[in-house]
Protein backbone atom coordinates (compact mmCIF):
# COMPACT_ATOMS: atom_id res chain seq x y z
CA MET A 1 71.12 12.30 -143.33
CA LYS A 2 67.98 10.77 -141.82
CA THR A 3 65.38 9.49 -144.27
CA ILE A 4 61.61 9.63 -143.89
CA LEU A 5 58.78 8.31 -146.05
CA ILE A 6 55.60 10.37 -145.81
CA THR A 7 52.27 9.30 -147.32
CA GLY A 8 49.46 11.63 -148.38
CA CYS A 9 51.62 14.58 -149.40
CA SER A 10 49.38 16.17 -152.01
CA SER A 11 48.20 18.84 -149.56
CA GLY A 12 47.69 19.73 -145.91
CA ILE A 13 49.77 18.24 -143.12
CA GLY A 14 51.63 15.78 -145.35
CA TYR A 15 52.60 18.46 -147.84
CA ASP A 16 53.67 20.96 -145.18
CA THR A 17 55.59 18.37 -143.18
CA ALA A 18 57.45 17.13 -146.26
CA HIS A 19 58.62 20.62 -147.16
CA TYR A 20 59.53 21.53 -143.58
CA LEU A 21 61.64 18.42 -143.04
CA HIS A 22 63.27 18.77 -146.47
CA LYS A 23 64.33 22.31 -145.59
CA ASN A 24 65.67 21.14 -142.25
CA GLY A 25 68.06 18.45 -143.33
CA TYR A 26 65.99 15.31 -143.80
CA LYS A 27 65.96 13.13 -146.89
CA VAL A 28 62.23 13.17 -147.56
CA TYR A 29 60.35 10.77 -149.81
CA ALA A 30 56.99 12.44 -150.34
CA THR A 31 54.32 10.14 -151.77
CA CYS A 32 50.87 10.67 -153.27
CA ARG A 33 48.30 8.59 -155.15
CA ASP A 34 48.07 11.02 -158.06
CA GLU A 35 50.92 11.20 -160.57
CA ASN A 36 50.21 14.88 -161.24
CA ASP A 37 50.76 15.65 -157.55
CA VAL A 38 54.03 13.70 -157.66
CA LYS A 39 55.24 15.77 -160.60
CA ARG A 40 54.28 18.96 -158.77
CA LEU A 41 56.24 17.91 -155.69
CA GLU A 42 59.25 16.97 -157.82
CA GLY A 43 59.09 20.42 -159.39
CA GLU A 44 59.23 21.87 -155.87
CA GLY A 45 62.46 20.01 -155.14
CA LEU A 46 61.19 16.93 -153.32
CA ASP A 47 61.87 13.27 -154.05
CA SER A 48 58.41 11.95 -154.74
CA TYR A 49 56.78 8.66 -155.74
CA VAL A 50 53.30 7.50 -156.64
CA LEU A 51 52.04 5.44 -153.71
CA ASP A 52 48.56 4.03 -153.25
CA VAL A 53 48.61 2.59 -149.74
CA THR A 54 45.78 0.20 -150.63
CA SER A 55 48.16 -1.62 -153.01
CA ARG A 56 50.53 -4.06 -151.30
CA ASP A 57 52.65 -4.38 -154.46
CA ASN A 58 52.94 -0.59 -154.79
CA ILE A 59 54.11 -0.33 -151.18
CA THR A 60 56.74 -3.02 -151.76
CA GLU A 61 57.93 -1.31 -154.94
CA VAL A 62 58.32 2.11 -153.30
CA LEU A 63 60.17 0.72 -150.28
CA LYS A 64 62.57 -1.11 -152.61
CA MET A 65 63.25 2.11 -154.52
CA ILE A 66 63.89 4.02 -151.29
CA THR A 67 66.28 1.44 -149.83
CA LYS A 68 68.05 1.12 -153.17
CA ASP A 69 68.43 4.89 -153.35
CA ASN A 70 69.44 5.46 -149.73
CA GLY A 71 70.03 2.11 -148.06
CA LYS A 72 68.25 3.14 -144.88
CA LEU A 73 64.78 4.17 -143.74
CA TYR A 74 64.84 6.11 -140.49
CA ALA A 75 61.13 6.94 -140.26
CA VAL A 76 57.68 6.51 -141.76
CA PHE A 77 54.92 9.06 -141.27
CA ASN A 78 51.64 7.28 -142.04
CA ASN A 79 49.67 10.37 -142.97
CA ALA A 80 47.46 9.23 -145.86
CA GLY A 81 43.78 9.11 -145.04
CA TYR A 82 40.39 10.75 -145.46
CA GLY A 83 37.15 11.21 -143.58
CA GLN A 84 33.87 9.63 -144.65
CA ILE A 85 30.95 11.65 -143.36
CA GLY A 86 27.63 9.93 -142.75
CA ALA A 87 25.42 8.61 -139.94
CA VAL A 88 26.11 4.97 -139.16
CA GLU A 89 22.68 3.91 -140.40
CA ASP A 90 23.34 5.71 -143.72
CA LEU A 91 26.72 4.00 -144.27
CA THR A 92 26.80 0.90 -146.40
CA THR A 93 29.23 -1.81 -145.38
CA GLU A 94 31.07 -1.28 -148.66
CA VAL A 95 31.66 2.40 -147.84
CA LEU A 96 32.90 1.46 -144.37
CA LYS A 97 35.30 -1.07 -145.89
CA GLU A 98 36.65 1.58 -148.27
CA GLN A 99 37.34 3.90 -145.33
CA PHE A 100 39.29 1.13 -143.60
CA GLU A 101 41.23 0.18 -146.74
CA THR A 102 43.02 3.54 -146.74
CA ASN A 103 42.97 4.64 -143.10
CA PHE A 104 43.73 1.30 -141.50
CA PHE A 105 44.61 -1.66 -143.72
CA GLY A 106 46.86 0.34 -146.05
CA LEU A 107 48.59 1.94 -143.08
CA HIS A 108 49.07 -1.49 -141.52
CA GLU A 109 50.63 -2.91 -144.68
CA LEU A 110 53.13 -0.06 -145.00
CA THR A 111 53.93 -0.29 -141.28
CA ARG A 112 54.44 -4.06 -141.45
CA GLN A 113 56.77 -3.88 -144.45
CA SER A 114 58.70 -0.95 -142.97
CA ILE A 115 59.31 -2.80 -139.71
CA LYS A 116 61.19 -5.51 -141.62
CA ILE A 117 63.62 -2.86 -142.90
CA MET A 118 63.93 -1.23 -139.49
CA ARG A 119 64.59 -4.52 -137.69
CA THR A 120 67.40 -5.26 -140.11
CA GLN A 121 69.05 -1.87 -139.63
CA GLY A 122 68.39 -1.89 -135.88
CA TYR A 123 66.35 1.31 -135.47
CA GLY A 124 63.41 3.32 -136.77
CA ARG A 125 60.47 5.59 -136.05
CA ILE A 126 56.87 4.89 -137.06
CA ILE A 127 54.62 7.91 -136.72
CA GLN A 128 50.91 7.17 -137.03
CA HIS A 129 48.58 10.01 -137.93
CA SER A 130 45.62 9.40 -135.68
CA SER A 131 43.08 12.00 -134.56
CA VAL A 132 41.13 13.43 -131.68
CA LEU A 133 38.46 11.17 -133.18
CA GLY A 134 40.58 8.20 -132.16
CA ILE A 135 39.98 9.34 -128.56
CA ILE A 136 36.37 10.56 -128.63
CA SER A 137 33.52 10.01 -131.09
CA LEU A 138 31.38 12.56 -132.90
CA ARG A 139 28.09 12.04 -134.70
CA PHE A 140 28.23 11.50 -138.47
CA ARG A 141 31.91 10.50 -138.30
CA GLY A 142 31.30 6.84 -137.50
CA ALA A 143 33.45 5.44 -140.31
CA TYR A 144 36.34 7.76 -139.56
CA ASN A 145 35.96 7.30 -135.79
CA ALA A 146 36.09 3.53 -136.20
CA SER A 147 39.19 3.63 -138.41
CA LYS A 148 41.06 5.82 -135.93
CA TYR A 149 39.98 3.81 -132.88
CA ALA A 150 41.28 0.73 -134.70
CA LEU A 151 44.56 2.54 -135.40
CA GLU A 152 44.93 3.43 -131.72
CA GLY A 153 44.52 -0.21 -130.71
CA LEU A 154 46.94 -1.44 -133.36
CA SER A 155 49.56 1.16 -132.46
CA ASP A 156 49.30 0.51 -128.72
CA THR A 157 49.82 -3.20 -129.32
CA LEU A 158 52.67 -2.65 -131.77
CA ARG A 159 54.43 -0.31 -129.37
CA GLN A 160 54.48 -3.05 -126.73
CA GLU A 161 55.71 -5.65 -129.21
CA LEU A 162 58.61 -3.40 -130.24
CA LEU A 163 59.85 -2.59 -126.74
CA GLY A 164 63.62 -2.90 -126.58
CA THR A 165 64.12 -2.93 -130.36
CA ASN A 166 65.04 0.77 -130.81
CA ILE A 167 62.00 1.05 -133.09
CA TYR A 168 59.50 3.54 -131.69
CA VAL A 169 55.80 3.92 -132.49
CA CYS A 170 54.19 7.33 -131.94
CA SER A 171 50.58 8.40 -132.43
CA ILE A 172 49.79 11.96 -133.51
CA ASN A 173 46.28 12.92 -132.36
CA THR A 174 45.31 15.97 -134.36
CA GLY A 175 42.33 18.20 -133.83
CA PRO A 176 40.94 20.60 -136.45
CA ILE A 177 43.68 21.74 -138.85
CA ARG A 178 43.35 24.07 -141.83
CA SER A 179 43.59 21.77 -144.86
CA ASP A 180 41.53 20.15 -147.62
CA PHE A 181 40.35 17.46 -145.22
CA ARG A 182 36.87 18.89 -144.70
CA LYS A 183 36.40 19.67 -148.39
CA ASN A 184 37.33 16.11 -149.34
CA ALA A 185 35.09 14.69 -146.61
CA VAL A 186 32.13 16.64 -147.99
CA LYS A 187 32.85 15.15 -151.43
CA LYS A 188 32.67 11.67 -149.89
CA LEU A 189 29.39 12.59 -148.20
CA LYS A 190 27.87 13.62 -151.54
CA GLN A 191 29.35 10.60 -153.31
CA TYR A 192 28.28 7.81 -150.98
CA ILE A 193 25.47 8.97 -148.71
CA VAL A 194 21.90 9.16 -149.97
CA LEU A 195 20.85 12.51 -148.55
CA LYS A 196 17.27 12.59 -149.77
CA GLY A 197 15.06 10.72 -147.36
CA SER A 198 17.68 10.43 -144.63
CA VAL A 199 16.41 11.39 -141.18
CA PHE A 200 19.61 13.41 -140.89
CA GLN A 201 19.25 15.35 -144.17
CA ARG A 202 18.77 18.72 -142.47
CA GLU A 203 21.74 18.18 -140.17
CA TYR A 204 23.97 17.14 -143.07
CA THR A 205 23.07 20.40 -144.80
CA ALA A 206 23.57 22.55 -141.71
CA GLN A 207 26.84 20.97 -140.58
CA PHE A 208 28.61 20.04 -143.80
CA LEU A 209 26.95 21.49 -146.89
CA THR A 210 27.10 25.13 -145.86
CA ALA A 211 30.28 27.21 -145.78
CA LYS A 212 32.35 26.97 -142.61
CA ASP A 213 34.94 29.46 -141.44
CA GLU A 214 38.20 27.63 -140.71
CA ASN A 215 39.65 30.65 -138.92
CA ASP A 216 37.81 29.84 -135.68
CA PHE A 217 39.62 29.54 -132.35
CA PHE A 218 39.92 25.74 -132.47
CA THR A 219 41.26 25.34 -136.03
CA LYS A 220 45.03 25.66 -136.28
CA GLY A 221 47.76 25.49 -138.92
CA SER A 222 49.99 22.53 -139.73
CA ASP A 223 52.82 24.00 -137.64
CA VAL A 224 51.30 22.68 -134.40
CA VAL A 225 51.45 19.16 -135.81
CA ILE A 226 54.91 19.53 -137.37
CA LYS A 227 56.33 20.62 -134.00
CA ASN A 228 55.36 17.28 -132.49
CA ILE A 229 56.48 15.27 -135.52
CA VAL A 230 59.92 16.86 -135.18
CA HIS A 231 60.01 15.88 -131.51
CA ALA A 232 59.00 12.32 -132.38
CA LEU A 233 61.88 12.20 -134.87
CA LYS A 234 64.56 13.83 -132.73
CA ALA A 235 63.87 12.72 -129.16
CA LYS A 236 65.99 9.90 -127.79
CA LYS A 237 62.80 8.39 -126.41
CA PRO A 238 59.80 9.94 -128.19
CA LYS A 239 56.40 10.12 -126.56
CA PRO A 240 53.98 7.30 -127.38
CA ARG A 241 51.24 9.84 -128.06
CA TYR A 242 51.17 13.51 -129.03
CA TYR A 243 48.07 15.65 -128.64
CA ASN A 244 47.81 18.50 -131.16
CA THR A 245 45.55 21.56 -130.77
CA PHE A 246 43.57 22.76 -127.79
CA ALA A 247 40.53 20.80 -128.99
CA THR A 248 42.40 17.50 -128.62
CA HIS A 249 43.64 18.36 -125.12
CA LEU A 250 40.18 19.56 -124.07
CA LEU A 251 38.21 16.60 -125.38
CA GLY A 252 40.86 14.12 -124.30
CA GLY A 253 40.61 15.61 -120.81
CA PHE A 254 36.82 15.32 -120.84
CA LYS A 255 37.17 11.64 -121.83
CA ARG A 256 39.30 10.98 -118.75
CA ILE A 257 37.21 12.79 -116.14
CA LEU A 258 33.58 12.60 -117.29
CA SER A 259 31.19 9.70 -117.29
CA THR A 260 30.19 8.37 -120.70
CA SER A 261 26.68 9.81 -120.32
CA TRP A 262 27.93 13.31 -119.55
CA LEU A 263 30.51 13.16 -122.32
CA ASP A 264 27.81 12.17 -124.83
CA LYS A 265 25.71 15.18 -123.82
CA ILE A 266 28.64 17.48 -124.59
CA LEU A 267 29.72 15.80 -127.82
CA VAL A 268 26.28 15.87 -129.46
CA LYS A 269 26.39 19.67 -129.27
CA ILE A 270 29.61 19.89 -131.31
């Protein structure tokens, strides 16, 4: 039975992927930061651990428990992350660092420690949850954009360094997916961005602080992502990058064919 460690399983893509793979023959270790979420997942039949990816010691502890329990670690799905909304000029450096601690540095630490296990056993799959915002940039997502662009660069480099090792690195570039991601991002906006007095106050209200229908044409369910995760796990030679949703394909295509100036004119209208 192939084993997979998934981070960020409290809801959304991580939660749905963990249950899907569990039902389809994988030994899933579903992790979350909150102990209450871990207990809920255990009650639903999953093996679950508390894992805060910003803690190196916690990562080491969880990997030791997994290898002790199973002996092998076939794959890691680095799914944990969040979006910090806010114009670049409204972001403090401390808030930007916090975004990177989870989305980039924590992911790097788990990846680095997992590679040691995979090199010893002679195989493995590392699936990085990137985004369409690791390909193109949107206003007010500067912190998130930067963390995903950094992830793209790290993953591209790592993929080259692991050539010939039977350890594969795959990036999953998701577009809009129905989940708690937007709700949590709005919480971060309210928590860390001083709205009053910002030159973007009206736009924050219009874009993020009013209700948004997630049943639009571009927003899809987790199944479109899970389909590609399954391919990345099963394929003899998985793709280095998987685009998910029409939005990712569309904007990724624009990035390839349009000049930067024309692309900017389109993106500011989104």
